[in-house]
């Protein structure tokens, strides 16, 4: 990586280009590398997800799948706002599709966050709301949290207004959503309100 100049829009554009050309995992990912992020120096909301799925790997567009449809509905935003990097940044814990495991996609590769996350977050000083989607984002952004995901989502009031933990919006989580109907009743109104305030 190059030396870090002052935090400016040209810097984030430069870093974004470096990320998209990253090949750190090319020997591990036999399906190829395709880092997928969305960043902007004036972004107000950060979506900290897990890693791209196979459809996003094919399209190169973050949350270009059923999970994205549900997440946009949860947030109360349309695609125009969602894909505007001046408003919303999308920075998963792993930038490339990790491949399939026995029970779904493999975990995001740690090298992405270790290499890029801190410096990219520094270039987005106007973030007012970070949405933590899934266990890996929780572990990074709330390292001292000793609750499981469900407990953390339910304990939203224990965290700063700038952080909100969410389950993954994947259709694979339909059973969780049915078992935890309090999420849609109690948490989604809070989410929509915080998104409106941030934007």
C-alpha atoms as a PDB file:
ATOM      1  CA  UNK A   1       0.000   0.000   0.000  1.00  0.00           C
ATOM      2  CA  UNK A   2       1.064   3.578  -0.607  1.00  0.00           C
ATOM      3  CA  UNK A   3       1.872   6.219   2.022  1.00  0.00           C
ATOM      4  CA  UNK A   4      -1.189   7.813   3.626  1.00  0.00           C
ATOM      5  CA  UNK A   5      -1.787  11.432   2.541  1.00  0.00           C
ATOM      6  CA  UNK A   6      -4.303  13.696   4.332  1.00  0.00           C
ATOM      7  CA  UNK A   7      -7.809  12.268   4.616  1.00  0.00           C
ATOM      8  CA  UNK A   8      -9.438  13.458   1.410  1.00  0.00           C
ATOM      9  CA  UNK A   9     -11.802  12.199  -1.245  1.00  0.00           C
ATOM     10  CA  UNK A  10      -8.841  11.488  -3.569  1.00  0.00           C
ATOM     11  CA  UNK A  11      -7.389   9.242  -0.836  1.00  0.00           C
ATOM     12  CA  UNK A  12     -10.513   7.138  -0.514  1.00  0.00           C
ATOM     13  CA  UNK A  13     -10.716   6.853  -4.295  1.00  0.00           C
ATOM     14  CA  UNK A  14      -7.101   5.708  -4.356  1.00  0.00           C
ATOM     15  CA  UNK A  15      -7.675   3.167  -1.579  1.00  0.00           C
ATOM     16  CA  UNK A  16     -10.852   1.910  -3.225  1.00  0.00           C
ATOM     17  CA  UNK A  17      -8.916   1.293  -6.420  1.00  0.00           C
ATOM     18  CA  UNK A  18      -6.182  -0.533  -4.485  1.00  0.00           C
ATOM     19  CA  UNK A  19      -8.769  -2.724  -2.763  1.00  0.00           C
ATOM     20  CA  UNK A  20     -10.405  -3.635  -6.060  1.00  0.00           C
ATOM     21  CA  UNK A  21      -7.000  -4.668  -7.406  1.00  0.00           C
ATOM     22  CA  UNK A  22      -6.119  -6.654  -4.270  1.00  0.00           C
ATOM     23  CA  UNK A  23      -4.959 -10.231  -4.901  1.00  0.00           C
ATOM     24  CA  UNK A  24      -3.896 -11.220  -1.363  1.00  0.00           C
ATOM     25  CA  UNK A  25      -6.217 -14.235  -1.429  1.00  0.00           C
ATOM     26  CA  UNK A  26      -5.793 -15.295  -5.051  1.00  0.00           C
ATOM     27  CA  UNK A  27      -4.001 -18.517  -4.058  1.00  0.00           C
ATOM     28  CA  UNK A  28      -6.722 -19.394  -1.537  1.00  0.00           C
ATOM     29  CA  UNK A  29      -9.850 -18.608  -3.564  1.00  0.00           C
ATOM     30  CA  UNK A  30      -9.882 -20.966  -6.532  1.00  0.00           C
ATOM     31  CA  UNK A  31     -13.002 -19.277  -7.934  1.00  0.00           C
ATOM     32  CA  UNK A  32     -11.041 -16.030  -8.262  1.00  0.00           C
ATOM     33  CA  UNK A  33     -10.860 -12.768  -6.341  1.00  0.00           C
ATOM     34  CA  UNK A  34     -13.328  -9.932  -6.802  1.00  0.00           C
ATOM     35  CA  UNK A  35     -13.319  -7.476  -3.894  1.00  0.00           C
ATOM     36  CA  UNK A  36     -16.719  -5.796  -3.558  1.00  0.00           C
ATOM     37  CA  UNK A  37     -17.027  -2.618  -1.485  1.00  0.00           C
ATOM     38  CA  UNK A  38     -18.746   0.759  -1.631  1.00  0.00           C
ATOM     39  CA  UNK A  39     -17.056   3.695   0.099  1.00  0.00           C
ATOM     40  CA  UNK A  40     -17.324   7.470   0.112  1.00  0.00           C
ATOM     41  CA  UNK A  41     -15.656  10.128   2.243  1.00  0.00           C
ATOM     42  CA  UNK A  42     -18.995  11.804   3.023  1.00  0.00           C
ATOM     43  CA  UNK A  43     -20.948   8.586   3.767  1.00  0.00           C
ATOM     44  CA  UNK A  44     -23.221   8.862   6.796  1.00  0.00           C
ATOM     45  CA  UNK A  45     -24.095   5.170   7.217  1.00  0.00           C
ATOM     46  CA  UNK A  46     -21.741   2.193   7.261  1.00  0.00           C
ATOM     47  CA  UNK A  47     -23.070  -1.280   6.556  1.00  0.00           C
ATOM     48  CA  UNK A  48     -20.612  -3.733   8.099  1.00  0.00           C
ATOM     49  CA  UNK A  49     -21.598  -7.055   6.596  1.00  0.00           C
ATOM     50  CA  UNK A  50     -20.047 -10.487   6.376  1.00  0.00           C
ATOM     51  CA  UNK A  51     -18.767 -11.221   2.840  1.00  0.00           C
ATOM     52  CA  UNK A  52     -20.192 -11.217  -0.686  1.00  0.00           C
ATOM     53  CA  UNK A  53     -22.212 -14.234  -1.771  1.00  0.00           C
ATOM     54  CA  UNK A  54     -21.925 -16.004  -5.109  1.00  0.00           C
ATOM     55  CA  UNK A  55     -24.407 -13.700  -6.866  1.00  0.00           C
ATOM     56  CA  UNK A  56     -22.569 -10.586  -5.680  1.00  0.00           C
ATOM     57  CA  UNK A  57     -19.283 -12.202  -6.737  1.00  0.00           C
ATOM     58  CA  UNK A  58     -20.741 -12.559 -10.233  1.00  0.00           C
ATOM     59  CA  UNK A  59     -22.200  -9.049 -10.477  1.00  0.00           C
ATOM     60  CA  UNK A  60     -19.680  -7.037  -8.455  1.00  0.00           C
ATOM     61  CA  UNK A  61     -22.563  -5.112  -6.866  1.00  0.00           C
ATOM     62  CA  UNK A  62     -22.882  -5.311  -3.045  1.00  0.00           C
ATOM     63  CA  UNK A  63     -26.112  -6.812  -1.716  1.00  0.00           C
ATOM     64  CA  UNK A  64     -27.292  -7.497  -5.261  1.00  0.00           C
ATOM     65  CA  UNK A  65     -29.445 -10.382  -4.065  1.00  0.00           C
ATOM     66  CA  UNK A  66     -32.424 -11.299  -1.878  1.00  0.00           C
ATOM     67  CA  UNK A  67     -30.464 -10.276   1.228  1.00  0.00           C
ATOM     68  CA  UNK A  68     -30.078  -6.779  -0.216  1.00  0.00           C
ATOM     69  CA  UNK A  69     -33.787  -6.522  -0.998  1.00  0.00           C
ATOM     70  CA  UNK A  70     -34.634  -7.378   2.587  1.00  0.00           C
ATOM     71  CA  UNK A  71     -31.963  -5.083   4.046  1.00  0.00           C
ATOM     72  CA  UNK A  72     -33.187  -2.113   1.999  1.00  0.00           C
ATOM     73  CA  UNK A  73     -36.715  -2.833   3.196  1.00  0.00           C
ATOM     74  CA  UNK A  74     -35.515  -2.995   6.797  1.00  0.00           C
ATOM     75  CA  UNK A  75     -33.716   0.324   6.407  1.00  0.00           C
ATOM     76  CA  UNK A  76     -36.559   2.015   4.543  1.00  0.00           C
ATOM     77  CA  UNK A  77     -34.357   3.135   1.627  1.00  0.00           C
ATOM     78  CA  UNK A  78     -34.568   2.631  -2.115  1.00  0.00           C
ATOM     79  CA  UNK A  79     -31.791   1.424  -4.393  1.00  0.00           C
ATOM     80  CA  UNK A  80     -30.846   4.953  -5.412  1.00  0.00           C
ATOM     81  CA  UNK A  81     -30.026   5.933  -1.828  1.00  0.00           C
ATOM     82  CA  UNK A  82     -28.562   2.531  -0.978  1.00  0.00           C
ATOM     83  CA  UNK A  83     -26.060   2.619  -3.824  1.00  0.00           C
ATOM     84  CA  UNK A  84     -25.048   6.247  -3.317  1.00  0.00           C
ATOM     85  CA  UNK A  85     -21.530   6.150  -1.746  1.00  0.00           C
ATOM     86  CA  UNK A  86     -21.987   9.761  -0.639  1.00  0.00           C
ATOM     87  CA  UNK A  87     -24.681   8.481   1.732  1.00  0.00           C
ATOM     88  CA  UNK A  88     -24.044   4.802   2.438  1.00  0.00           C
ATOM     89  CA  UNK A  89     -20.776   2.867   2.654  1.00  0.00           C
ATOM     90  CA  UNK A  90     -20.756  -0.926   2.402  1.00  0.00           C
ATOM     91  CA  UNK A  91     -17.679  -2.529   3.909  1.00  0.00           C
ATOM     92  CA  UNK A  92     -18.003  -6.248   4.639  1.00  0.00           C
ATOM     93  CA  UNK A  93     -15.601  -8.078   6.908  1.00  0.00           C
ATOM     94  CA  UNK A  94     -14.376 -10.017   3.874  1.00  0.00           C
ATOM     95  CA  UNK A  95     -14.310  -8.297   0.499  1.00  0.00           C
ATOM     96  CA  UNK A  96     -14.351 -11.416  -1.694  1.00  0.00           C
ATOM     97  CA  UNK A  97     -16.747 -14.345  -1.889  1.00  0.00           C
ATOM     98  CA  UNK A  98     -15.163 -16.984   0.383  1.00  0.00           C
ATOM     99  CA  UNK A  99     -16.783 -20.007  -1.279  1.00  0.00           C
ATOM    100  CA  UNK A 100     -19.255 -22.642  -0.139  1.00  0.00           C
ATOM    101  CA  UNK A 101     -19.022 -24.618   3.078  1.00  0.00           C
ATOM    102  CA  UNK A 102     -21.073 -27.531   4.391  1.00  0.00           C
ATOM    103  CA  UNK A 103     -23.873 -25.336   5.719  1.00  0.00           C
ATOM    104  CA  UNK A 104     -23.677 -22.167   3.639  1.00  0.00           C
ATOM    105  CA  UNK A 105     -20.903 -19.798   2.684  1.00  0.00           C
ATOM    106  CA  UNK A 106     -17.517 -20.080   4.372  1.00  0.00           C
ATOM    107  CA  UNK A 107     -16.489 -17.398   6.908  1.00  0.00           C
ATOM    108  CA  UNK A 108     -14.949 -14.191   5.572  1.00  0.00           C
ATOM    109  CA  UNK A 109     -11.168 -14.338   5.304  1.00  0.00           C
ATOM    110  CA  UNK A 110      -9.569 -12.376   8.147  1.00  0.00           C
ATOM    111  CA  UNK A 111      -6.822 -10.866   6.010  1.00  0.00           C
ATOM    112  CA  UNK A 112      -9.262  -8.366   4.458  1.00  0.00           C
ATOM    113  CA  UNK A 113     -10.095  -6.687   7.747  1.00  0.00           C
ATOM    114  CA  UNK A 114      -6.524  -6.959   9.019  1.00  0.00           C
ATOM    115  CA  UNK A 115      -5.151  -5.272   5.894  1.00  0.00           C
ATOM    116  CA  UNK A 116      -7.750  -2.720   4.891  1.00  0.00           C
ATOM    117  CA  UNK A 117     -10.459  -2.075   7.452  1.00  0.00           C
ATOM    118  CA  UNK A 118      -8.846   0.459   9.797  1.00  0.00           C
ATOM    119  CA  UNK A 119      -7.440   2.683   7.051  1.00  0.00           C
ATOM    120  CA  UNK A 120     -10.700   2.661   5.076  1.00  0.00           C
ATOM    121  CA  UNK A 121     -12.713   3.569   8.172  1.00  0.00           C
ATOM    122  CA  UNK A 122     -10.355   6.498   8.799  1.00  0.00           C
ATOM    123  CA  UNK A 123     -11.268   7.943   5.416  1.00  0.00           C
ATOM    124  CA  UNK A 124     -14.969   8.071   6.330  1.00  0.00           C
ATOM    125  CA  UNK A 125     -15.097  10.489   9.288  1.00  0.00           C
ATOM    126  CA  UNK A 126     -18.753  11.448   8.791  1.00  0.00           C
ATOM    127  CA  UNK A 127     -20.213   8.020   9.585  1.00  0.00           C
ATOM    128  CA  UNK A 128     -23.058   8.528  12.047  1.00  0.00           C
ATOM    129  CA  UNK A 129     -24.596   5.053  12.062  1.00  0.00           C
ATOM    130  CA  UNK A 130     -22.915   1.656  11.707  1.00  0.00           C
ATOM    131  CA  UNK A 131     -25.090  -1.382  11.064  1.00  0.00           C
ATOM    132  CA  UNK A 132     -23.429  -4.561  12.320  1.00  0.00           C
ATOM    133  CA  UNK A 133     -24.725  -7.481  10.290  1.00  0.00           C
ATOM    134  CA  UNK A 134     -23.804 -10.890  11.609  1.00  0.00           C
ATOM    135  CA  UNK A 135     -21.342 -12.361  14.075  1.00  0.00           C
ATOM    136  CA  UNK A 136     -18.094 -11.369  12.350  1.00  0.00           C
ATOM    137  CA  UNK A 137     -19.002  -7.671  12.222  1.00  0.00           C
ATOM    138  CA  UNK A 138     -20.061  -7.831  15.881  1.00  0.00           C
ATOM    139  CA  UNK A 139     -16.760  -9.363  16.927  1.00  0.00           C
ATOM    140  CA  UNK A 140     -14.767  -6.641  15.147  1.00  0.00           C
ATOM    141  CA  UNK A 141     -16.772  -3.590  16.162  1.00  0.00           C
ATOM    142  CA  UNK A 142     -17.792  -4.799  19.650  1.00  0.00           C
ATOM    143  CA  UNK A 143     -14.721  -6.790  20.738  1.00  0.00           C
ATOM    144  CA  UNK A 144     -15.700  -6.837  24.425  1.00  0.00           C
ATOM    145  CA  UNK A 145     -19.243  -8.008  23.781  1.00  0.00           C
ATOM    146  CA  UNK A 146     -19.871 -11.373  25.447  1.00  0.00           C
ATOM    147  CA  UNK A 147     -23.435 -11.866  24.202  1.00  0.00           C
ATOM    148  CA  UNK A 148     -24.474 -13.998  21.260  1.00  0.00           C
ATOM    149  CA  UNK A 149     -25.980 -12.342  18.195  1.00  0.00           C
ATOM    150  CA  UNK A 150     -29.610 -12.641  19.309  1.00  0.00           C
ATOM    151  CA  UNK A 151     -28.833 -11.218  22.745  1.00  0.00           C
ATOM    152  CA  UNK A 152     -26.824  -8.383  21.197  1.00  0.00           C
ATOM    153  CA  UNK A 153     -29.596  -7.434  18.782  1.00  0.00           C
ATOM    154  CA  UNK A 154     -32.112  -7.482  21.621  1.00  0.00           C
ATOM    155  CA  UNK A 155     -29.836  -5.358  23.850  1.00  0.00           C
ATOM    156  CA  UNK A 156     -29.768  -2.467  21.356  1.00  0.00           C
ATOM    157  CA  UNK A 157     -30.273   0.099  24.142  1.00  0.00           C
ATOM    158  CA  UNK A 158     -26.969  -0.946  25.761  1.00  0.00           C
ATOM    159  CA  UNK A 159     -24.984   0.337  22.787  1.00  0.00           C
ATOM    160  CA  UNK A 160     -24.352   3.850  21.469  1.00  0.00           C
ATOM    161  CA  UNK A 161     -26.925   5.268  19.057  1.00  0.00           C
ATOM    162  CA  UNK A 162     -24.205   5.125  16.410  1.00  0.00           C
ATOM    163  CA  UNK A 163     -24.222   1.288  16.451  1.00  0.00           C
ATOM    164  CA  UNK A 164     -27.057  -1.108  15.752  1.00  0.00           C
ATOM    165  CA  UNK A 165     -26.653  -4.886  15.555  1.00  0.00           C
ATOM    166  CA  UNK A 166     -28.786  -6.808  13.071  1.00  0.00           C
ATOM    167  CA  UNK A 167     -29.222 -10.436  12.072  1.00  0.00           C
ATOM    168  CA  UNK A 168     -28.166 -11.255   8.539  1.00  0.00           C
ATOM    169  CA  UNK A 169     -31.009 -10.454   6.111  1.00  0.00           C
ATOM    170  CA  UNK A 170     -30.401 -13.667   4.157  1.00  0.00           C
ATOM    171  CA  UNK A 171     -33.423 -15.894   3.401  1.00  0.00           C
ATOM    172  CA  UNK A 172     -31.497 -18.554   5.354  1.00  0.00           C
ATOM    173  CA  UNK A 173     -32.455 -16.547   8.450  1.00  0.00           C
ATOM    174  CA  UNK A 174     -36.215 -16.863   7.893  1.00  0.00           C
ATOM    175  CA  UNK A 175     -36.505 -19.359  10.749  1.00  0.00           C
ATOM    176  CA  UNK A 176     -34.702 -16.973  13.115  1.00  0.00           C
ATOM    177  CA  UNK A 177     -37.001 -14.124  12.093  1.00  0.00           C
ATOM    178  CA  UNK A 178     -40.098 -16.246  12.729  1.00  0.00           C
ATOM    179  CA  UNK A 179     -38.816 -17.296  16.153  1.00  0.00           C
ATOM    180  CA  UNK A 180     -37.890 -13.716  17.069  1.00  0.00           C
ATOM    181  CA  UNK A 181     -40.876 -11.677  15.955  1.00  0.00           C
ATOM    182  CA  UNK A 182     -39.826  -8.923  18.412  1.00  0.00           C
ATOM    183  CA  UNK A 183     -37.133  -7.980  15.883  1.00  0.00           C
ATOM    184  CA  UNK A 184     -39.579  -6.658  13.289  1.00  0.00           C
ATOM    185  CA  UNK A 185     -41.889  -5.183  15.927  1.00  0.00           C
ATOM    186  CA  UNK A 186     -39.283  -3.499  18.138  1.00  0.00           C
ATOM    187  CA  UNK A 187     -35.998  -3.112  16.250  1.00  0.00           C
ATOM    188  CA  UNK A 188     -37.043  -2.226  12.706  1.00  0.00           C
ATOM    189  CA  UNK A 189     -38.798   1.013  13.713  1.00  0.00           C
ATOM    190  CA  UNK A 190     -35.625   2.030  15.573  1.00  0.00           C
ATOM    191  CA  UNK A 191     -33.507   1.133  12.548  1.00  0.00           C
ATOM    192  CA  UNK A 192     -35.671   3.109  10.134  1.00  0.00           C
ATOM    193  CA  UNK A 193     -35.672   6.136  12.444  1.00  0.00           C
ATOM    194  CA  UNK A 194     -31.888   6.115  12.874  1.00  0.00           C
ATOM    195  CA  UNK A 195     -31.379   5.733   9.105  1.00  0.00           C
ATOM    196  CA  UNK A 196     -33.643   8.734   8.449  1.00  0.00           C
ATOM    197  CA  UNK A 197     -31.771  10.820  11.011  1.00  0.00           C
ATOM    198  CA  UNK A 198     -28.367   9.864   9.597  1.00  0.00           C
ATOM    199  CA  UNK A 199     -29.328  10.647   6.014  1.00  0.00           C
END
